[in-house]
Structures are given as structure tokens and as C-alpha cells.
Amino acid sequence: MICRWEDVSALAAQLDAEAKGRPVDTDWTRAQVQRLMAVYPEMTNTLGAIAARLATKAA
């Protein structure tokens, strides 16, 4: 799998901010995860876990 860093860098920044306790845009992050799963199906296992966690936060 070849992955462009531009595709994941913004998501990585959001996840890093969340890990540091900073506020994040959960809706944008969840949408980005869904988009990346469509573009990079090889990442579905990892991104799916993130999407599931974000879904519980939104509920």
C-alpha cells in the first residue's frame, strides 16, 4: 500500500490533539476517517476502530 502523507496528516493532527486533551472537531474527524477508509481499504481495521470510538463520543 502506498499512502500519501497529505491524506493522513490532518487526521493525525486531530488524533494527537485529542490525545493531549485539546478540543477536536469530532464530526470532521469521523468524516475524515470514513473518507480514508474508502480511499485506503487496507487501513480499514485501524481506522474502523477509530471510527467506532468516535461514534460513541458523538452519541
C-alpha atoms as a PDB file:
ATOM      1  CA  MET A   1       0.000   0.000   0.000  1.00  0.00           C
ATOM      2  CA  ILE A   2       1.261   3.428  -0.910  1.00  0.00           C
ATOM      3  CA  CYS A   3      -0.257   6.190   1.166  1.00  0.00           C
ATOM      4  CA  ARG A   4       0.134   9.915   0.643  1.00  0.00           C
ATOM      5  CA  TRP A   5       1.047  11.696   3.853  1.00  0.00           C
ATOM      6  CA  GLU A   6      -1.220  14.589   2.913  1.00  0.00           C
ATOM      7  CA  ASP A   7      -4.159  12.198   3.156  1.00  0.00           C
ATOM      8  CA  VAL A   8      -3.485  11.291   6.765  1.00  0.00           C
ATOM      9  CA  SER A   9      -1.595  14.259   8.244  1.00  0.00           C
ATOM     10  CA  ALA A  10      -4.681  16.284   9.175  1.00  0.00           C
ATOM     11  CA  LEU A  11      -6.266  13.235  10.795  1.00  0.00           C
ATOM     12  CA  ALA A  12      -3.039  12.519  12.669  1.00  0.00           C
ATOM     13  CA  ALA A  13      -3.006  16.103  13.955  1.00  0.00           C
ATOM     14  CA  GLN A  14      -6.596  15.758  15.217  1.00  0.00           C
ATOM     15  CA  LEU A  15      -5.849  12.457  16.958  1.00  0.00           C
ATOM     16  CA  ASP A  16      -2.695  13.911  18.506  1.00  0.00           C
ATOM     17  CA  ALA A  17      -4.633  16.912  19.806  1.00  0.00           C
ATOM     18  CA  GLU A  18      -7.304  14.627  21.230  1.00  0.00           C
ATOM     19  CA  ALA A  19      -4.659  12.512  22.965  1.00  0.00           C
ATOM     20  CA  LYS A  20      -3.257  15.685  24.542  1.00  0.00           C
ATOM     21  CA  GLY A  21      -6.677  16.670  25.851  1.00  0.00           C
ATOM     22  CA  ARG A  22      -7.258  19.510  23.402  1.00  0.00           C
ATOM     23  CA  PRO A  23     -10.665  20.006  21.812  1.00  0.00           C
ATOM     24  CA  VAL A  24     -11.171  18.464  18.371  1.00  0.00           C
ATOM     25  CA  ASP A  25     -13.882  18.574  15.745  1.00  0.00           C
ATOM     26  CA  THR A  26     -15.288  15.073  16.210  1.00  0.00           C
ATOM     27  CA  ASP A  27     -17.630  15.334  13.208  1.00  0.00           C
ATOM     28  CA  TRP A  28     -14.780  16.335  10.883  1.00  0.00           C
ATOM     29  CA  THR A  29     -12.509  13.650  12.316  1.00  0.00           C
ATOM     30  CA  ARG A  30     -15.146  10.960  11.862  1.00  0.00           C
ATOM     31  CA  ALA A  31     -15.787  12.107   8.262  1.00  0.00           C
ATOM     32  CA  GLN A  32     -12.057  12.059   7.529  1.00  0.00           C
ATOM     33  CA  VAL A  33     -11.771   8.526   8.912  1.00  0.00           C
ATOM     34  CA  GLN A  34     -14.661   7.384   6.710  1.00  0.00           C
ATOM     35  CA  ARG A  35     -13.085   9.016   3.664  1.00  0.00           C
ATOM     36  CA  LEU A  36      -9.702   7.425   4.319  1.00  0.00           C
ATOM     37  CA  MET A  37     -11.306   4.003   4.759  1.00  0.00           C
ATOM     38  CA  ALA A  38     -12.821   4.401   1.285  1.00  0.00           C
ATOM     39  CA  VAL A  39      -9.546   5.552  -0.265  1.00  0.00           C
ATOM     40  CA  TYR A  40      -7.305   3.093   1.613  1.00  0.00           C
ATOM     41  CA  PRO A  41      -9.296  -0.081   2.313  1.00  0.00           C
ATOM     42  CA  GLU A  42      -6.104  -1.688   3.652  1.00  0.00           C
ATOM     43  CA  MET A  43      -6.391   0.655   6.646  1.00  0.00           C
ATOM     44  CA  THR A  44      -9.982  -0.304   7.473  1.00  0.00           C
ATOM     45  CA  ASN A  45      -9.115  -2.336  10.579  1.00  0.00           C
ATOM     46  CA  THR A  46      -7.203   0.513  12.200  1.00  0.00           C
ATOM     47  CA  LEU A  47      -9.465   3.305  11.002  1.00  0.00           C
ATOM     48  CA  GLY A  48     -12.581   1.314  11.832  1.00  0.00           C
ATOM     49  CA  ALA A  49     -11.530   1.176  15.467  1.00  0.00           C
ATOM     50  CA  ILE A  50     -11.076   4.953  15.465  1.00  0.00           C
ATOM     51  CA  ALA A  51     -14.471   5.447  13.787  1.00  0.00           C
ATOM     52  CA  ALA A  52     -16.168   3.227  16.368  1.00  0.00           C
ATOM     53  CA  ARG A  53     -14.599   5.171  19.228  1.00  0.00           C
ATOM     54  CA  LEU A  54     -15.619   8.494  17.710  1.00  0.00           C
ATOM     55  CA  ALA A  55     -19.172   7.230  17.189  1.00  0.00           C
ATOM     56  CA  THR A  56     -19.508   6.526  20.914  1.00  0.00           C
ATOM     57  CA  LYS A  57     -18.325  10.073  21.678  1.00  0.00           C
ATOM     58  CA  ALA A  58     -20.948  11.536  19.351  1.00  0.00           C
ATOM     59  CA  ALA A  59     -23.767   9.523  20.914  1.00  0.00           C
END
